[in-house]
Amino acid sequence: MKNRILDILRGAFLVNEGATKNWRFIVFLFFLAIVMISSAHRAEQKILEIAQLNDDIQALRSKFVEGREAVMHLKMESVVTAKMQKRGLQPTLHPPLKISIQPKK
């Protein structure tokens, strides 16, 4: 048992007669390690990209709300009246008349 452990620590399993099987297994493990590292790296990139997109969404939502508030303010009757008075237009003092036309029978 002690000799086996020492052989493993010395790397004797890499130079023995049946070492080709061991080398294949080591190369396979190396390949799996590379795949795991690249997969983890891609997952981290996706997480960062999602976080950036969420920040962008929040910024765009706040711009949308600000724009909507500005439009609502501009559509107010008092604001429209004030802007039109600068151009010489005033609101009517009489309500509009409804014109109804009777169809011919």
N, C-alpha and C. Protein backbone atom coordinates (compact mmCIF):
# COMPACT_ATOMS: atom_id res chain seq x y z
N MET A 1 0.81 -1.18 0.00
CA MET A 1 0.00 0.00 0.00
C MET A 1 0.86 1.26 0.00
N LYS A 2 1.88 1.25 0.86
CA LYS A 2 2.77 2.40 0.95
C LYS A 2 3.54 2.58 -0.35
N ASN A 3 3.94 1.45 -0.96
CA ASN A 3 4.68 1.53 -2.22
C ASN A 3 3.80 2.08 -3.34
N ARG A 4 2.55 1.70 -3.34
CA ARG A 4 1.62 2.20 -4.37
C ARG A 4 1.45 3.71 -4.28
N ILE A 5 1.31 4.19 -3.06
CA ILE A 5 1.16 5.63 -2.87
C ILE A 5 2.42 6.35 -3.31
N LEU A 6 3.57 5.80 -2.98
CA LEU A 6 4.82 6.42 -3.41
C LEU A 6 4.96 6.38 -4.92
N ASP A 7 4.54 5.28 -5.57
CA ASP A 7 4.58 5.20 -7.03
C ASP A 7 3.69 6.27 -7.67
N ILE A 8 2.54 6.50 -7.08
CA ILE A 8 1.64 7.53 -7.62
C ILE A 8 2.27 8.91 -7.44
N LEU A 9 2.85 9.15 -6.26
CA LEU A 9 3.48 10.45 -6.01
C LEU A 9 4.69 10.69 -6.91
N ARG A 10 5.43 9.64 -7.21
CA ARG A 10 6.61 9.77 -8.09
C ARG A 10 6.22 9.87 -9.56
N GLY A 11 5.01 9.50 -9.88
CA GLY A 11 4.56 9.55 -11.27
C GLY A 11 4.93 8.31 -12.05
N ALA A 12 5.11 7.20 -11.38
CA ALA A 12 5.48 5.96 -12.06
C ALA A 12 4.36 5.48 -12.99
N PHE A 13 3.13 5.84 -12.70
CA PHE A 13 2.02 5.40 -13.54
C PHE A 13 2.06 6.06 -14.92
N LEU A 14 2.89 7.09 -15.07
CA LEU A 14 2.98 7.76 -16.36
C LEU A 14 4.02 7.15 -17.28
N VAL A 15 4.96 6.37 -16.72
CA VAL A 15 6.03 5.81 -17.54
C VAL A 15 6.02 4.29 -17.59
N ASN A 16 5.09 3.64 -16.94
CA ASN A 16 5.00 2.18 -16.99
C ASN A 16 4.57 1.71 -18.37
N GLU A 17 4.50 0.39 -18.53
CA GLU A 17 4.12 -0.20 -19.81
C GLU A 17 2.68 0.14 -20.21
N GLY A 18 1.78 0.19 -19.30
CA GLY A 18 0.38 0.48 -19.58
C GLY A 18 0.06 1.97 -19.46
N ALA A 19 1.04 2.82 -19.68
CA ALA A 19 0.88 4.26 -19.46
C ALA A 19 -0.01 4.92 -20.51
N THR A 20 -0.20 4.30 -21.68
CA THR A 20 -1.01 4.95 -22.72
C THR A 20 -2.45 5.13 -22.24
N LYS A 21 -2.97 4.13 -21.51
CA LYS A 21 -4.32 4.28 -20.96
C LYS A 21 -4.37 5.43 -19.97
N ASN A 22 -3.35 5.56 -19.16
CA ASN A 22 -3.30 6.64 -18.17
C ASN A 22 -3.22 8.00 -18.86
N TRP A 23 -2.41 8.09 -19.91
CA TRP A 23 -2.27 9.36 -20.63
C TRP A 23 -3.58 9.76 -21.30
N ARG A 24 -4.27 8.79 -21.85
CA ARG A 24 -5.57 9.09 -22.46
C ARG A 24 -6.54 9.65 -21.42
N PHE A 25 -6.54 9.01 -20.27
CA PHE A 25 -7.43 9.48 -19.20
C PHE A 25 -7.04 10.88 -18.74
N ILE A 26 -5.76 11.16 -18.63
CA ILE A 26 -5.29 12.48 -18.21
C ILE A 26 -5.67 13.53 -19.24
N VAL A 27 -5.51 13.22 -20.52
CA VAL A 27 -5.89 14.15 -21.58
C VAL A 27 -7.40 14.40 -21.54
N PHE A 28 -8.16 13.33 -21.31
CA PHE A 28 -9.61 13.47 -21.19
C PHE A 28 -9.98 14.39 -20.03
N LEU A 29 -9.35 14.21 -18.88
CA LEU A 29 -9.61 15.07 -17.72
C LEU A 29 -9.23 16.52 -18.01
N PHE A 30 -8.11 16.70 -18.71
CA PHE A 30 -7.67 18.04 -19.09
C PHE A 30 -8.70 18.70 -20.00
N PHE A 31 -9.22 17.95 -20.96
CA PHE A 31 -10.25 18.46 -21.87
C PHE A 31 -11.51 18.85 -21.09
N LEU A 32 -11.93 17.99 -20.16
CA LEU A 32 -13.11 18.31 -19.35
C LEU A 32 -12.89 19.56 -18.50
N ALA A 33 -11.69 19.73 -17.98
CA ALA A 33 -11.40 20.92 -17.18
C ALA A 33 -11.50 22.18 -18.04
N ILE A 34 -11.00 22.13 -19.26
CA ILE A 34 -11.08 23.28 -20.17
C ILE A 34 -12.54 23.59 -20.49
N VAL A 35 -13.34 22.56 -20.74
CA VAL A 35 -14.76 22.77 -21.04
C VAL A 35 -15.46 23.40 -19.84
N MET A 36 -15.18 22.95 -18.64
CA MET A 36 -15.81 23.51 -17.45
C MET A 36 -15.41 24.98 -17.24
N ILE A 37 -14.14 25.28 -17.46
CA ILE A 37 -13.68 26.66 -17.29
C ILE A 37 -14.34 27.57 -18.31
N SER A 38 -14.40 27.13 -19.56
CA SER A 38 -15.02 27.98 -20.58
C SER A 38 -16.52 28.14 -20.33
N SER A 39 -17.17 27.10 -19.86
CA SER A 39 -18.60 27.19 -19.55
C SER A 39 -18.85 28.17 -18.41
N ALA A 40 -18.04 28.12 -17.39
CA ALA A 40 -18.19 29.05 -16.26
C ALA A 40 -17.94 30.49 -16.72
N HIS A 41 -16.94 30.66 -17.59
CA HIS A 41 -16.63 32.00 -18.09
C HIS A 41 -17.80 32.55 -18.91
N ARG A 42 -18.38 31.74 -19.76
CA ARG A 42 -19.53 32.18 -20.55
C ARG A 42 -20.72 32.51 -19.67
N ALA A 43 -20.94 31.72 -18.63
CA ALA A 43 -22.06 31.99 -17.72
C ALA A 43 -21.86 33.33 -17.02
N GLU A 44 -20.64 33.63 -16.59
CA GLU A 44 -20.36 34.91 -15.96
C GLU A 44 -20.57 36.06 -16.93
N GLN A 45 -20.16 35.87 -18.19
CA GLN A 45 -20.38 36.91 -19.20
C GLN A 45 -21.87 37.17 -19.40
N LYS A 46 -22.67 36.11 -19.44
CA LYS A 46 -24.11 36.26 -19.61
C LYS A 46 -24.72 37.00 -18.42
N ILE A 47 -24.27 36.69 -17.22
CA ILE A 47 -24.78 37.36 -16.03
C ILE A 47 -24.47 38.85 -16.08
N LEU A 48 -23.25 39.19 -16.47
CA LEU A 48 -22.88 40.60 -16.58
C LEU A 48 -23.69 41.30 -17.66
N GLU A 49 -23.91 40.62 -18.78
CA GLU A 49 -24.70 41.20 -19.87
C GLU A 49 -26.14 41.43 -19.43
N ILE A 50 -26.71 40.48 -18.70
CA ILE A 50 -28.09 40.63 -18.21
C ILE A 50 -28.17 41.81 -17.24
N ALA A 51 -27.19 41.95 -16.37
CA ALA A 51 -27.20 43.07 -15.42
C ALA A 51 -27.11 44.40 -16.16
N GLN A 52 -26.27 44.47 -17.19
CA GLN A 52 -26.14 45.69 -17.98
C GLN A 52 -27.46 46.01 -18.69
N LEU A 53 -28.09 45.00 -19.26
CA LEU A 53 -29.37 45.22 -19.95
C LEU A 53 -30.46 45.67 -18.97
N ASN A 54 -30.46 45.13 -17.76
CA ASN A 54 -31.44 45.57 -16.76
C ASN A 54 -31.23 47.04 -16.39
N ASP A 55 -29.97 47.45 -16.28
CA ASP A 55 -29.67 48.86 -16.01
C ASP A 55 -30.16 49.74 -17.15
N ASP A 56 -29.93 49.30 -18.39
CA ASP A 56 -30.39 50.05 -19.55
C ASP A 56 -31.91 50.16 -19.56
N ILE A 57 -32.60 49.09 -19.22
CA ILE A 57 -34.06 49.10 -19.18
C ILE A 57 -34.55 50.12 -18.15
N GLN A 58 -33.92 50.13 -16.98
CA GLN A 58 -34.32 51.08 -15.94
C GLN A 58 -34.13 52.52 -16.43
N ALA A 59 -33.00 52.79 -17.09
CA ALA A 59 -32.73 54.14 -17.59
C ALA A 59 -33.76 54.54 -18.64
N LEU A 60 -34.08 53.63 -19.54
CA LEU A 60 -35.05 53.93 -20.58
C LEU A 60 -36.45 54.13 -20.01
N ARG A 61 -36.81 53.34 -19.00
CA ARG A 61 -38.11 53.53 -18.36
C ARG A 61 -38.22 54.90 -17.71
N SER A 62 -37.15 55.31 -17.02
CA SER A 62 -37.20 56.62 -16.37
C SER A 62 -37.28 57.74 -17.40
N LYS A 63 -36.58 57.60 -18.53
CA LYS A 63 -36.68 58.61 -19.60
C LYS A 63 -38.10 58.64 -20.16
N PHE A 64 -38.71 57.48 -20.33
CA PHE A 64 -40.07 57.41 -20.84
C PHE A 64 -41.04 58.11 -19.91
N VAL A 65 -40.91 57.86 -18.60
CA VAL A 65 -41.81 58.48 -17.63
C VAL A 65 -41.62 59.99 -17.63
N GLU A 66 -40.37 60.45 -17.71
CA GLU A 66 -40.11 61.89 -17.74
C GLU A 66 -40.72 62.51 -18.99
N GLY A 67 -40.58 61.85 -20.13
CA GLY A 67 -41.15 62.36 -21.37
C GLY A 67 -42.67 62.40 -21.32
N ARG A 68 -43.27 61.37 -20.76
CA ARG A 68 -44.73 61.32 -20.65
C ARG A 68 -45.24 62.44 -19.74
N GLU A 69 -44.53 62.70 -18.65
CA GLU A 69 -44.92 63.79 -17.76
C GLU A 69 -44.82 65.13 -18.45
N ALA A 70 -43.75 65.32 -19.25
CA ALA A 70 -43.59 66.58 -19.97
C ALA A 70 -44.71 66.78 -20.98
N VAL A 71 -45.09 65.72 -21.69
CA VAL A 71 -46.17 65.82 -22.66
C VAL A 71 -47.50 66.11 -21.97
N MET A 72 -47.74 65.46 -20.85
CA MET A 72 -48.98 65.71 -20.11
C MET A 72 -49.04 67.16 -19.64
N HIS A 73 -47.90 67.70 -19.24
CA HIS A 73 -47.87 69.10 -18.81
C HIS A 73 -48.15 70.03 -19.99
N LEU A 74 -47.57 69.72 -21.17
CA LEU A 74 -47.78 70.57 -22.33
C LEU A 74 -49.21 70.51 -22.86
N LYS A 75 -49.92 69.41 -22.59
CA LYS A 75 -51.29 69.26 -23.08
C LYS A 75 -52.32 69.92 -22.17
N MET A 76 -51.89 70.40 -21.04
CA MET A 76 -52.83 71.03 -20.11
C MET A 76 -53.41 72.29 -20.75
N GLU A 77 -54.69 72.53 -20.48
CA GLU A 77 -55.39 73.67 -21.11
C GLU A 77 -54.74 74.99 -20.74
N SER A 78 -54.31 75.13 -19.51
CA SER A 78 -53.71 76.40 -19.08
C SER A 78 -52.40 76.67 -19.82
N VAL A 79 -51.61 75.64 -20.06
CA VAL A 79 -50.34 75.82 -20.77
C VAL A 79 -50.60 76.16 -22.23
N VAL A 80 -51.57 75.46 -22.83
CA VAL A 80 -51.90 75.73 -24.24
C VAL A 80 -52.44 77.15 -24.37
N THR A 81 -53.29 77.57 -23.44
CA THR A 81 -53.86 78.93 -23.47
C THR A 81 -52.75 79.97 -23.36
N ALA A 82 -51.83 79.77 -22.46
CA ALA A 82 -50.73 80.73 -22.28
C ALA A 82 -49.87 80.81 -23.54
N LYS A 83 -49.60 79.69 -24.17
CA LYS A 83 -48.78 79.71 -25.39
C LYS A 83 -49.51 80.38 -26.55
N MET A 84 -50.81 80.17 -26.63
CA MET A 84 -51.57 80.76 -27.73
C MET A 84 -51.77 82.26 -27.52
N GLN A 85 -51.84 82.71 -26.27
CA GLN A 85 -51.97 84.14 -26.01
C GLN A 85 -50.72 84.89 -26.49
N LYS A 86 -49.58 84.25 -26.43
CA LYS A 86 -48.34 84.86 -26.95
C LYS A 86 -48.44 85.08 -28.45
N ARG A 87 -49.22 84.24 -29.13
CA ARG A 87 -49.38 84.36 -30.59
C ARG A 87 -50.60 85.21 -30.96
N GLY A 88 -51.30 85.65 -30.00
CA GLY A 88 -52.44 86.52 -30.27
C GLY A 88 -53.77 85.78 -30.32
N LEU A 89 -53.83 84.54 -29.97
CA LEU A 89 -55.08 83.78 -29.95
C LEU A 89 -55.59 83.68 -28.53
N GLN A 90 -56.92 83.77 -28.39
CA GLN A 90 -57.52 83.66 -27.07
C GLN A 90 -58.63 82.62 -27.12
N PRO A 91 -58.90 82.00 -26.00
CA PRO A 91 -60.00 81.03 -26.01
C PRO A 91 -61.35 81.72 -26.21
N THR A 92 -62.26 81.02 -26.78
CA THR A 92 -63.59 81.58 -27.03
C THR A 92 -64.37 81.72 -25.73
N LEU A 93 -65.20 82.72 -25.71
CA LEU A 93 -66.02 82.94 -24.53
C LEU A 93 -67.36 82.23 -24.65
N HIS A 94 -67.74 81.86 -25.86
CA HIS A 94 -69.02 81.20 -26.11
C HIS A 94 -68.76 79.74 -26.43
N PRO A 95 -69.55 78.86 -25.93
CA PRO A 95 -69.35 77.44 -26.24
C PRO A 95 -69.69 77.19 -27.72
N PRO A 96 -69.12 76.16 -28.27
CA PRO A 96 -69.40 75.88 -29.67
C PRO A 96 -70.85 75.42 -29.86
N LEU A 97 -71.40 75.71 -31.04
CA LEU A 97 -72.76 75.32 -31.37
C LEU A 97 -72.72 74.01 -32.11
N LYS A 98 -73.68 73.18 -31.83
CA LYS A 98 -73.76 71.92 -32.51
C LYS A 98 -74.68 72.07 -33.71
N ILE A 99 -74.19 71.74 -34.87
CA ILE A 99 -74.96 71.84 -36.09
C ILE A 99 -75.43 70.44 -36.44
N SER A 100 -76.70 70.27 -36.54
CA SER A 100 -77.24 68.97 -36.91
C SER A 100 -78.01 69.10 -38.21
N ILE A 101 -77.82 68.20 -39.10
CA ILE A 101 -78.47 68.20 -40.38
C ILE A 101 -79.41 67.01 -40.40
N GLN A 102 -80.67 67.28 -40.75
CA GLN A 102 -81.66 66.24 -40.81
C GLN A 102 -81.59 65.59 -42.20
N PRO A 103 -81.52 64.27 -42.25
CA PRO A 103 -81.49 63.63 -43.56
C PRO A 103 -82.85 63.76 -44.27
N LYS A 104 -82.82 63.85 -45.58
CA LYS A 104 -84.06 63.94 -46.37
C LYS A 104 -84.75 62.59 -46.39
N LYS A 105 -86.09 62.64 -46.31
CA LYS A 105 -86.84 61.40 -46.33
C LYS A 105 -87.45 61.15 -47.65
